C-alpha atoms as a PDB file:
ATOM      1  CA  MET A   1     -33.360  -1.450 -59.676  1.00  0.00           C
ATOM      2  CA  SER A   2     -35.771   1.464 -59.696  1.00  0.00           C
ATOM      3  CA  ASP A   3     -37.120   0.480 -56.254  1.00  0.00           C
ATOM      4  CA  LEU A   4     -33.574   0.272 -54.913  1.00  0.00           C
ATOM      5  CA  ALA A   5     -32.756   3.683 -56.367  1.00  0.00           C
ATOM      6  CA  ASN A   6     -35.899   5.165 -54.880  1.00  0.00           C
ATOM      7  CA  GLU A   7     -35.079   3.745 -51.440  1.00  0.00           C
ATOM      8  CA  THR A   8     -31.496   5.023 -51.704  1.00  0.00           C
ATOM      9  CA  GLY A   9     -32.711   8.460 -52.726  1.00  0.00           C
ATOM     10  CA  ALA A  10     -35.254   8.557 -49.921  1.00  0.00           C
ATOM     11  CA  THR A  11     -32.585   7.589 -47.419  1.00  0.00           C
ATOM     12  CA  ALA A  12     -30.255  10.276 -48.731  1.00  0.00           C
ATOM     13  CA  MET A  13     -33.016  12.839 -48.393  1.00  0.00           C
ATOM     14  CA  THR A  14     -33.986  11.854 -44.848  1.00  0.00           C
ATOM     15  CA  GLU A  15     -30.482  11.604 -43.404  1.00  0.00           C
ATOM     16  CA  PRO A  16     -29.624  15.322 -43.747  1.00  0.00           C
ATOM     17  CA  ARG A  17     -32.951  16.181 -42.124  1.00  0.00           C
ATOM     18  CA  ARG A  18     -32.107  14.006 -39.133  1.00  0.00           C
ATOM     19  CA  ALA A  19     -28.697  15.626 -38.905  1.00  0.00           C
ATOM     20  CA  ARG A  20     -30.287  19.075 -38.810  1.00  0.00           C
ATOM     21  CA  ARG A  21     -32.647  17.991 -36.076  1.00  0.00           C
ATOM     22  CA  LEU A  22     -29.729  16.896 -33.917  1.00  0.00           C
ATOM     23  CA  HIS A  23     -27.968  20.248 -34.318  1.00  0.00           C
ATOM     24  CA  ILE A  24     -28.017  22.551 -31.284  1.00  0.00           C
ATOM     25  CA  ASN A  25     -26.957  26.168 -31.707  1.00  0.00           C
ATOM     26  CA  ALA A  26     -24.287  27.943 -29.648  1.00  0.00           C
ATOM     27  CA  VAL A  27     -26.713  29.228 -27.011  1.00  0.00           C
ATOM     28  CA  GLY A  28     -28.179  25.776 -26.514  1.00  0.00           C
ATOM     29  CA  THR A  29     -24.679  24.335 -26.231  1.00  0.00           C
ATOM     30  CA  ILE A  30     -23.859  26.808 -23.447  1.00  0.00           C
ATOM     31  CA  GLY A  31     -27.022  25.793 -21.616  1.00  0.00           C
ATOM     32  CA  ALA A  32     -26.217  22.104 -22.051  1.00  0.00           C
ATOM     33  CA  ALA A  33     -22.691  22.697 -20.723  1.00  0.00           C
ATOM     34  CA  ILE A  34     -24.057  24.435 -17.601  1.00  0.00           C
ATOM     35  CA  VAL A  35     -26.511  21.601 -16.962  1.00  0.00           C
ATOM     36  CA  ALA A  36     -23.826  18.967 -17.524  1.00  0.00           C
ATOM     37  CA  PHE A  37     -21.489  20.774 -15.115  1.00  0.00           C
ATOM     38  CA  ALA A  38     -24.202  20.865 -12.417  1.00  0.00           C
ATOM     39  CA  VAL A  39     -24.986  17.175 -12.886  1.00  0.00           C
ATOM     40  CA  LEU A  40     -21.312  16.215 -12.742  1.00  0.00           C
ATOM     41  CA  ALA A  41     -20.836  18.359  -9.639  1.00  0.00           C
ATOM     42  CA  ALA A  42     -23.742  16.567  -7.984  1.00  0.00           C
ATOM     43  CA  LEU A  43     -22.464  13.109  -8.934  1.00  0.00           C
ATOM     44  CA  LEU A  44     -18.772  13.681  -8.181  1.00  0.00           C
ATOM     45  CA  ALA A  45     -19.124  16.064  -5.221  1.00  0.00           C
ATOM     46  CA  PRO A  46     -17.657  13.679  -2.584  1.00  0.00           C
ATOM     47  CA  TRP A  47     -14.476  13.378  -4.669  1.00  0.00           C
ATOM     48  CA  LEU A  48     -14.321  16.995  -5.891  1.00  0.00           C
ATOM     49  CA  ALA A  49     -14.912  18.701  -2.527  1.00  0.00           C
ATOM     50  CA  PRO A  50     -11.563  19.627  -0.935  1.00  0.00           C
ATOM     51  CA  HIS A  51     -12.976  19.471   2.610  1.00  0.00           C
ATOM     52  CA  ASP A  52     -15.745  17.775   4.522  1.00  0.00           C
ATOM     53  CA  ALA A  53     -19.014  19.715   4.540  1.00  0.00           C
ATOM     54  CA  GLY A  54     -18.942  20.320   8.299  1.00  0.00           C
ATOM     55  CA  GLU A  55     -15.212  20.831   8.747  1.00  0.00           C
ATOM     56  CA  VAL A  56     -14.162  24.235  10.139  1.00  0.00           C
ATOM     57  CA  VAL A  57     -11.144  25.209   8.077  1.00  0.00           C
ATOM     58  CA  ASP A  58     -10.733  28.902   8.943  1.00  0.00           C
ATOM     59  CA  PHE A  59     -11.213  30.958  12.098  1.00  0.00           C
ATOM     60  CA  GLU A  60     -12.406  33.953  10.072  1.00  0.00           C
ATOM     61  CA  MET A  61     -16.172  34.196   9.560  1.00  0.00           C
ATOM     62  CA  PHE A  62     -17.317  35.065   6.041  1.00  0.00           C
ATOM     63  CA  GLY A  63     -13.777  34.865   4.736  1.00  0.00           C
ATOM     64  CA  LYS A  64     -12.989  36.357   1.354  1.00  0.00           C
ATOM     65  CA  MET A  65     -12.193  34.347  -1.743  1.00  0.00           C
ATOM     66  CA  SER A  66      -8.588  33.200  -1.870  1.00  0.00           C
ATOM     67  CA  ALA A  67      -6.390  30.522  -3.365  1.00  0.00           C
ATOM     68  CA  ALA A  68      -7.018  28.286  -0.344  1.00  0.00           C
ATOM     69  CA  PHE A  69     -10.778  28.936  -0.320  1.00  0.00           C
ATOM     70  CA  PRO A  70     -11.936  29.858  -3.859  1.00  0.00           C
ATOM     71  CA  LEU A  71     -15.504  30.653  -2.719  1.00  0.00           C
ATOM     72  CA  GLY A  72     -14.601  31.976   0.726  1.00  0.00           C
ATOM     73  CA  THR A  73     -15.825  30.609   4.035  1.00  0.00           C
ATOM     74  CA  ASP A  74     -19.221  30.698   5.732  1.00  0.00           C
ATOM     75  CA  TYR A  75     -20.420  32.007   9.072  1.00  0.00           C
ATOM     76  CA  LEU A  76     -18.627  29.186  10.917  1.00  0.00           C
ATOM     77  CA  GLY A  77     -15.445  29.223   8.859  1.00  0.00           C
ATOM     78  CA  ARG A  78     -16.332  26.233   6.676  1.00  0.00           C
ATOM     79  CA  ASP A  79     -15.170  26.006   3.076  1.00  0.00           C
ATOM     80  CA  MET A  80     -17.947  27.235   0.783  1.00  0.00           C
ATOM     81  CA  LEU A  81     -16.626  25.456  -2.308  1.00  0.00           C
ATOM     82  CA  SER A  82     -17.058  22.127  -0.533  1.00  0.00           C
ATOM     83  CA  ARG A  83     -20.498  23.045   0.759  1.00  0.00           C
ATOM     84  CA  VAL A  84     -21.723  24.258  -2.637  1.00  0.00           C
ATOM     85  CA  LEU A  85     -20.467  21.096  -4.349  1.00  0.00           C
ATOM     86  CA  LEU A  86     -22.003  18.819  -1.730  1.00  0.00           C
ATOM     87  CA  GLY A  87     -25.201  20.878  -1.695  1.00  0.00           C
ATOM     88  CA  ALA A  88     -25.593  20.233  -5.433  1.00  0.00           C
ATOM     89  CA  ARG A  89     -26.402  16.604  -4.609  1.00  0.00           C
ATOM     90  CA  TYR A  90     -29.551  17.665  -2.771  1.00  0.00           C
ATOM     91  CA  THR A  91     -30.647  20.496  -5.070  1.00  0.00           C
ATOM     92  CA  VAL A  92     -30.144  18.602  -8.322  1.00  0.00           C
ATOM     93  CA  GLY A  93     -31.014  15.165  -6.927  1.00  0.00           C
ATOM     94  CA  ILE A  94     -34.246  16.113  -5.160  1.00  0.00           C
ATOM     95  CA  ALA A  95     -35.382  18.285  -8.064  1.00  0.00           C
ATOM     96  CA  PHE A  96     -34.709  15.542 -10.610  1.00  0.00           C
ATOM     97  CA  LEU A  97     -36.496  12.832  -8.610  1.00  0.00           C
ATOM     98  CA  ALA A  98     -39.496  15.056  -7.900  1.00  0.00           C
ATOM     99  CA  THR A  99     -39.745  16.126 -11.543  1.00  0.00           C
ATOM    100  CA  ALA A 100     -39.456  12.515 -12.725  1.00  0.00           C
ATOM    101  CA  ILE A 101     -42.266  11.457 -10.375  1.00  0.00           C
ATOM    102  CA  ALA A 102     -44.494  14.353 -11.432  1.00  0.00           C
ATOM    103  CA  CYS A 103     -43.936  13.774 -15.142  1.00  0.00           C
ATOM    104  CA  ALA A 104     -44.253   9.989 -14.973  1.00  0.00           C
ATOM    105  CA  ALA A 105     -47.551  10.196 -13.092  1.00  0.00           C
ATOM    106  CA  GLY A 106     -48.802  13.131 -15.162  1.00  0.00           C
ATOM    107  CA  VAL A 107     -48.005  11.469 -18.487  1.00  0.00           C
ATOM    108  CA  THR A 108     -49.634   8.200 -17.410  1.00  0.00           C
ATOM    109  CA  LEU A 109     -52.817   9.884 -16.199  1.00  0.00           C
ATOM    110  CA  GLY A 110     -52.907  12.278 -19.163  1.00  0.00           C
ATOM    111  CA  LEU A 111     -52.640   9.467 -21.684  1.00  0.00           C
ATOM    112  CA  PHE A 112     -55.270   7.474 -19.837  1.00  0.00           C
ATOM    113  CA  ALA A 113     -57.688  10.409 -19.735  1.00  0.00           C
ATOM    114  CA  ALA A 114     -57.198  11.305 -23.400  1.00  0.00           C
ATOM    115  CA  VAL A 115     -57.517   7.782 -24.783  1.00  0.00           C
ATOM    116  CA  ILE A 116     -60.237   6.474 -22.454  1.00  0.00           C
ATOM    117  CA  GLY A 117     -62.292   9.675 -22.356  1.00  0.00           C
ATOM    118  CA  GLY A 118     -65.769   9.769 -20.851  1.00  0.00           C
ATOM    119  CA  TRP A 119     -66.365  10.165 -17.121  1.00  0.00           C
ATOM    120  CA  SER A 120     -62.814   9.064 -16.274  1.00  0.00           C
ATOM    121  CA  ASP A 121     -61.406  11.989 -18.222  1.00  0.00           C
ATOM    122  CA  SER A 122     -63.856  14.436 -16.623  1.00  0.00           C
ATOM    123  CA  LEU A 123     -63.194  13.198 -13.087  1.00  0.00           C
ATOM    124  CA  LEU A 124     -59.411  13.313 -13.399  1.00  0.00           C
ATOM    125  CA  SER A 125     -59.462  16.716 -15.074  1.00  0.00           C
ATOM    126  CA  ARG A 126     -61.703  18.296 -12.426  1.00  0.00           C
ATOM    127  CA  LEU A 127     -59.711  16.859  -9.508  1.00  0.00           C
ATOM    128  CA  LEU A 128     -56.369  17.979 -10.859  1.00  0.00           C
ATOM    129  CA  ASP A 129     -57.733  21.361 -11.913  1.00  0.00           C
ATOM    130  CA  ALA A 130     -58.761  21.884  -8.295  1.00  0.00           C
ATOM    131  CA  LEU A 131     -55.174  21.190  -7.195  1.00  0.00           C
ATOM    132  CA  THR A 132     -53.862  23.586  -9.834  1.00  0.00           C
ATOM    133  CA  SER A 133     -55.956  26.390  -8.342  1.00  0.00           C
ATOM    134  CA  ILE A 134     -53.959  26.203  -5.076  1.00  0.00           C
ATOM    135  CA  PRO A 135     -50.725  28.267  -5.165  1.00  0.00           C
ATOM    136  CA  SER A 136     -47.779  25.873  -5.298  1.00  0.00           C
ATOM    137  CA  LYS A 137     -45.789  27.537  -2.533  1.00  0.00           C
ATOM    138  CA  MET A 138     -48.779  27.644  -0.181  1.00  0.00           C
ATOM    139  CA  LEU A 139     -49.556  23.974  -0.814  1.00  0.00           C
ATOM    140  CA  ALA A 140     -45.894  23.046  -0.282  1.00  0.00           C
ATOM    141  CA  LEU A 141     -45.759  24.935   3.011  1.00  0.00           C
ATOM    142  CA  VAL A 142     -48.905  23.191   4.294  1.00  0.00           C
ATOM    143  CA  LEU A 143     -47.779  19.708   3.250  1.00  0.00           C
ATOM    144  CA  VAL A 144     -44.191  20.022   4.499  1.00  0.00           C
ATOM    145  CA  ALA A 145     -45.243  21.657   7.759  1.00  0.00           C
ATOM    146  CA  GLY A 146     -47.770  18.875   8.371  1.00  0.00           C
ATOM    147  CA  LEU A 147     -45.792  15.854   7.173  1.00  0.00           C
ATOM    148  CA  GLY A 148     -42.236  16.901   7.990  1.00  0.00           C
ATOM    149  CA  SER A 149     -39.268  17.972   5.910  1.00  0.00           C
ATOM    150  CA  SER A 150     -37.398  14.739   5.372  1.00  0.00           C
ATOM    151  CA  ILE A 151     -35.968  14.168   1.916  1.00  0.00           C
ATOM    152  CA  PRO A 152     -38.558  11.497   0.909  1.00  0.00           C
ATOM    153  CA  ILE A 153     -41.366  13.841   2.014  1.00  0.00           C
ATOM    154  CA  LEU A 154     -39.838  16.718   0.038  1.00  0.00           C
ATOM    155  CA  VAL A 155     -39.548  14.583  -3.091  1.00  0.00           C
ATOM    156  CA  ALA A 156     -43.129  13.299  -2.790  1.00  0.00           C
ATOM    157  CA  THR A 157     -44.529  16.751  -2.008  1.00  0.00           C
ATOM    158  CA  LEU A 158     -42.806  18.483  -4.913  1.00  0.00           C
ATOM    159  CA  GLY A 159     -43.793  15.677  -7.277  1.00  0.00           C
ATOM    160  CA  PHE A 160     -47.412  15.866  -6.141  1.00  0.00           C
ATOM    161  CA  ILE A 161     -47.550  19.653  -6.563  1.00  0.00           C
ATOM    162  CA  TYR A 162     -46.347  19.613 -10.171  1.00  0.00           C
ATOM    163  CA  LEU A 163     -48.293  16.534 -11.267  1.00  0.00           C
ATOM    164  CA  PRO A 164     -51.418  18.495 -12.386  1.00  0.00           C
ATOM    165  CA  GLY A 165     -49.443  20.731 -14.740  1.00  0.00           C
ATOM    166  CA  CYS A 166     -47.814  17.770 -16.439  1.00  0.00           C
ATOM    167  CA  PHE A 167     -51.212  16.057 -16.680  1.00  0.00           C
ATOM    168  CA  ARG A 168     -52.741  19.044 -18.447  1.00  0.00           C
ATOM    169  CA  ILE A 169     -49.893  19.304 -20.966  1.00  0.00           C
ATOM    170  CA  THR A 170     -49.991  15.572 -21.700  1.00  0.00           C
ATOM    171  CA  ARG A 171     -53.752  15.449 -22.033  1.00  0.00           C
ATOM    172  CA  ALA A 172     -53.819  18.459 -24.374  1.00  0.00           C
ATOM    173  CA  LEU A 173     -51.197  16.875 -26.624  1.00  0.00           C
ATOM    174  CA  ALA A 174     -52.759  13.414 -26.506  1.00  0.00           C
ATOM    175  CA  VAL A 175     -56.277  14.638 -27.323  1.00  0.00           C
ATOM    176  CA  GLY A 176     -55.008  16.225 -30.522  1.00  0.00           C
ATOM    177  CA  ILE A 177     -52.948  13.206 -31.541  1.00  0.00           C
ATOM    178  CA  ALA A 178     -55.813  10.813 -30.739  1.00  0.00           C
ATOM    179  CA  GLN A 179     -57.810  12.379 -33.589  1.00  0.00           C
ATOM    180  CA  GLU A 180     -55.139  11.688 -36.197  1.00  0.00           C
ATOM    181  CA  ASP A 181     -55.775   9.159 -38.956  1.00  0.00           C
ATOM    182  CA  PHE A 182     -53.116   6.680 -37.822  1.00  0.00           C
ATOM    183  CA  VAL A 183     -54.710   6.482 -34.350  1.00  0.00           C
ATOM    184  CA  LEU A 184     -58.176   6.053 -35.846  1.00  0.00           C
ATOM    185  CA  ALA A 185     -56.761   3.298 -38.064  1.00  0.00           C
ATOM    186  CA  ALA A 186     -55.333   1.558 -34.999  1.00  0.00           C
ATOM    187  CA  ARG A 187     -58.740   1.715 -33.335  1.00  0.00           C
ATOM    188  CA  ALA A 188     -60.350   0.284 -36.477  1.00  0.00           C
ATOM    189  CA  ARG A 189     -57.848  -2.599 -36.432  1.00  0.00           C
ATOM    190  CA  GLY A 190     -59.062  -3.431 -32.945  1.00  0.00           C
ATOM    191  CA  GLU A 191     -55.857  -2.526 -31.134  1.00  0.00           C
ATOM    192  CA  ARG A 192     -56.072  -2.347 -27.357  1.00  0.00           C
ATOM    193  CA  ARG A 193     -56.062   0.985 -25.585  1.00  0.00           C
ATOM    194  CA  LEU A 194     -52.713   0.326 -23.927  1.00  0.00           C
ATOM    195  CA  TYR A 195     -51.159  -0.339 -27.336  1.00  0.00           C
ATOM    196  CA  ILE A 196     -52.643   2.879 -28.718  1.00  0.00           C
ATOM    197  CA  MET A 197     -51.348   4.895 -25.765  1.00  0.00           C
ATOM    198  CA  MET A 198     -47.810   3.486 -25.780  1.00  0.00           C
ATOM    199  CA  ARG A 199     -47.182   2.836 -29.481  1.00  0.00           C
ATOM    200  CA  GLU A 200     -49.294   5.378 -31.326  1.00  0.00           C
ATOM    201  CA  VAL A 201     -49.810   8.438 -29.105  1.00  0.00           C
ATOM    202  CA  LEU A 202     -46.803   8.646 -26.748  1.00  0.00           C
ATOM    203  CA  PRO A 203     -43.991   8.474 -29.359  1.00  0.00           C
ATOM    204  CA  ASN A 204     -45.494  11.458 -31.172  1.00  0.00           C
ATOM    205  CA  MET A 205     -45.252  13.820 -28.217  1.00  0.00           C
ATOM    206  CA  VAL A 206     -41.848  12.958 -26.740  1.00  0.00           C
ATOM    207  CA  GLY A 207     -40.284  16.266 -27.803  1.00  0.00           C
ATOM    208  CA  PRO A 208     -42.807  18.572 -26.109  1.00  0.00           C
ATOM    209  CA  LEU A 209     -42.809  16.352 -23.010  1.00  0.00           C
ATOM    210  CA  LEU A 210     -39.024  16.568 -22.702  1.00  0.00           C
ATOM    211  CA  ALA A 211     -39.228  20.351 -22.955  1.00  0.00           C
ATOM    212  CA  ASP A 212     -41.931  20.362 -20.290  1.00  0.00           C
ATOM    213  CA  PHE A 213     -39.744  18.138 -18.099  1.00  0.00           C
ATOM    214  CA  GLY A 214     -36.996  20.741 -18.232  1.00  0.00           C
ATOM    215  CA  LEU A 215     -39.367  23.550 -17.308  1.00  0.00           C
ATOM    216  CA  ARG A 216     -40.812  21.531 -14.414  1.00  0.00           C
ATOM    217  CA  PHE A 217     -37.284  20.879 -13.206  1.00  0.00           C
ATOM    218  CA  VAL A 218     -36.628  24.622 -13.037  1.00  0.00           C
ATOM    219  CA  PHE A 219     -39.875  25.199 -11.127  1.00  0.00           C
ATOM    220  CA  VAL A 220     -38.990  22.452  -8.650  1.00  0.00           C
ATOM    221  CA  VAL A 221     -35.479  23.866  -8.086  1.00  0.00           C
ATOM    222  CA  LEU A 222     -36.889  27.305  -7.322  1.00  0.00           C
ATOM    223  CA  LEU A 223     -39.621  25.974  -5.027  1.00  0.00           C
ATOM    224  CA  LEU A 224     -37.180  23.693  -3.191  1.00  0.00           C
ATOM    225  CA  SER A 225     -34.780  26.604  -2.716  1.00  0.00           C
ATOM    226  CA  SER A 226     -37.641  28.740  -1.393  1.00  0.00           C
ATOM    227  CA  LEU A 227     -38.644  26.071   1.116  1.00  0.00           C
ATOM    228  CA  SER A 228     -35.043  25.650   2.258  1.00  0.00           C
ATOM    229  CA  PHE A 229     -34.654  29.406   2.622  1.00  0.00           C
ATOM    230  CA  LEU A 230     -37.725  29.408   4.877  1.00  0.00           C
ATOM    231  CA  GLY A 231     -36.287  26.555   6.958  1.00  0.00           C
ATOM    232  CA  LEU A 232     -38.677  23.859   5.689  1.00  0.00           C
ATOM    233  CA  GLY A 233     -36.434  22.263   3.092  1.00  0.00           C
ATOM    234  CA  VAL A 234     -33.315  20.169   3.536  1.00  0.00           C
ATOM    235  CA  GLN A 235     -32.426  20.126   7.229  1.00  0.00           C
ATOM    236  CA  PRO A 236     -28.974  20.330   8.910  1.00  0.00           C
ATOM    237  CA  PRO A 237     -26.456  18.794   8.847  1.00  0.00           C
ATOM    238  CA  GLN A 238     -27.337  18.363   5.148  1.00  0.00           C
ATOM    239  CA  ALA A 239     -27.741  21.522   3.108  1.00  0.00           C
ATOM    240  CA  ASP A 240     -28.889  22.364  -0.396  1.00  0.00           C
ATOM    241  CA  TRP A 241     -28.231  25.678  -2.126  1.00  0.00           C
ATOM    242  CA  GLY A 242     -31.308  27.328  -0.636  1.00  0.00           C
ATOM    243  CA  SER A 243     -30.228  26.309   2.846  1.00  0.00           C
ATOM    244  CA  LEU A 244     -26.782  27.768   2.229  1.00  0.00           C
ATOM    245  CA  VAL A 245     -28.329  31.122   1.361  1.00  0.00           C
ATOM    246  CA  ARG A 246     -30.479  31.082   4.503  1.00  0.00           C
ATOM    247  CA  GLU A 247     -27.739  30.143   6.944  1.00  0.00           C
ATOM    248  CA  ASN A 248     -25.391  32.843   5.604  1.00  0.00           C
ATOM    249  CA  ILE A 249     -27.974  35.620   5.375  1.00  0.00           C
ATOM    250  CA  SER A 250     -26.198  37.525   8.173  1.00  0.00           C
ATOM    251  CA  GLY A 251     -23.317  38.115   5.761  1.00  0.00           C
ATOM    252  CA  LEU A 252     -25.507  40.247   3.503  1.00  0.00           C
ATOM    253  CA  SER A 253     -24.228  43.511   4.973  1.00  0.00           C
ATOM    254  CA  TYR A 254     -20.638  42.364   4.374  1.00  0.00           C
ATOM    255  CA  GLY A 255     -21.206  41.259   0.785  1.00  0.00           C
ATOM    256  CA  ALA A 256     -19.945  37.832   1.811  1.00  0.00           C
ATOM    257  CA  PRO A 257     -19.216  35.327  -0.981  1.00  0.00           C
ATOM    258  CA  ALA A 258     -20.797  32.672   1.241  1.00  0.00           C
ATOM    259  CA  LEU A 259     -24.178  34.311   0.629  1.00  0.00           C
ATOM    260  CA  VAL A 260     -23.678  35.168  -3.029  1.00  0.00           C
ATOM    261  CA  MET A 261     -22.252  31.913  -4.391  1.00  0.00           C
ATOM    262  CA  PRO A 262     -25.191  29.569  -3.584  1.00  0.00           C
ATOM    263  CA  ALA A 263     -27.582  32.135  -5.095  1.00  0.00           C
ATOM    264  CA  VAL A 264     -25.375  32.326  -8.198  1.00  0.00           C
ATOM    265  CA  ALA A 265     -25.405  28.515  -8.420  1.00  0.00           C
ATOM    266  CA  ILE A 266     -29.230  28.457  -8.339  1.00  0.00           C
ATOM    267  CA  ALA A 267     -29.410  31.187 -10.973  1.00  0.00           C
ATOM    268  CA  LEU A 268     -26.886  29.485 -13.262  1.00  0.00           C
ATOM    269  CA  LEU A 269     -28.690  26.148 -13.074  1.00  0.00           C
ATOM    270  CA  THR A 270     -32.085  27.628 -13.914  1.00  0.00           C
ATOM    271  CA  ILE A 271     -30.650  29.797 -16.699  1.00  0.00           C
ATOM    272  CA  GLY A 272     -28.723  26.859 -18.148  1.00  0.00           C
ATOM    273  CA  VAL A 273     -31.795  24.609 -18.241  1.00  0.00           C
ATOM    274  CA  ASN A 274     -33.858  27.369 -19.872  1.00  0.00           C
ATOM    275  CA  LEU A 275     -31.199  28.075 -22.499  1.00  0.00           C
ATOM    276  CA  PHE A 276     -30.967  24.390 -23.344  1.00  0.00           C
ATOM    277  CA  ILE A 277     -34.738  23.905 -23.559  1.00  0.00           C
ATOM    278  CA  ASP A 278     -35.404  27.042 -25.591  1.00  0.00           C
ATOM    279  CA  ASN A 279     -32.830  26.027 -28.184  1.00  0.00           C
ATOM    280  CA  LEU A 280     -33.713  22.375 -28.603  1.00  0.00           C
ATOM    281  CA  PRO A 281     -33.868  21.311 -32.273  1.00  0.00           C
ATOM    282  CA  GLY A 282     -37.296  22.047 -33.713  1.00  0.00           C
ATOM    283  CA  ARG A 283     -38.535  24.015 -30.711  1.00  0.00           C
ATOM    284  CA  ARG A 284     -37.771  27.425 -32.197  1.00  0.00           C
ATOM    285  CA  ARG A 285     -39.348  26.437 -35.509  1.00  0.00           C
ATOM    286  CA  ALA A 286     -42.451  25.170 -33.755  1.00  0.00           C
ATOM    287  CA  THR A 287     -42.723  28.399 -31.754  1.00  0.00           C
ATOM    288  CA  GLU A 288     -42.355  30.543 -34.869  1.00  0.00           C
ATOM    289  CA  GLY A 289     -44.891  28.418 -36.699  1.00  0.00           C
ATOM    290  CA  SER A 290     -47.444  28.813 -33.906  1.00  0.00           C
ATOM    291  CA  ARG A 291     -47.124  32.573 -34.167  1.00  0.00           C
END
């Protein structure tokens, strides 16, 4: 009976703690709503867009916002609401795939380097540190200009550029966790290195890695938009948000909504991701504790 009471009491004590961890404050909720809206826009764009992306719907260039065209029209008279919605597929989709590739490769290599150690750790660290020393935009320009600007090349290039940063974060976390008693006990039991990496080390750093994933996603969105603005990103007839800013740059002197709205979409997405990440449960407490 006493054991049952102790287990019941322990469960009652742990459940409220889990509930608090799942709580996200109002600012984080706003960020999550912005991110969810962008993801839904990217997924449902073909059904939400009132017009085809290339359809000329108005003879007026850089038309103002109206009931018929809520975001105005672009330099050819195409509906900007449709183009922004359809452009979300490329901005959000490419950024997510590139970030997933970078983080998957970085986490794998970081865990390997931290658990294996020795010359493998030194070799990987030095090689990836050398890549980190190259400015990301310069490296992206060289790779895209040399290999082309197709969507698979863009995804691979962006993933490759942000792999070293994810490796460094993962390795730093894993090295600290690898010295904990439960990992040393697993080594003493004779557990294999793969088991230690996947069952002992990785589950204890999921939270920081998810936060890093969000930050990498923001970096990729901004770099992709920069490449598209320079003409090396998504190519016509497709267009992401950076491409929409570039192709409507002549409307700057008119204050055209066609120029402003894609820039606002990029800003809202990056702000929303940052608000969500900064207000994840436990992140604020960890930051205050580190101070």
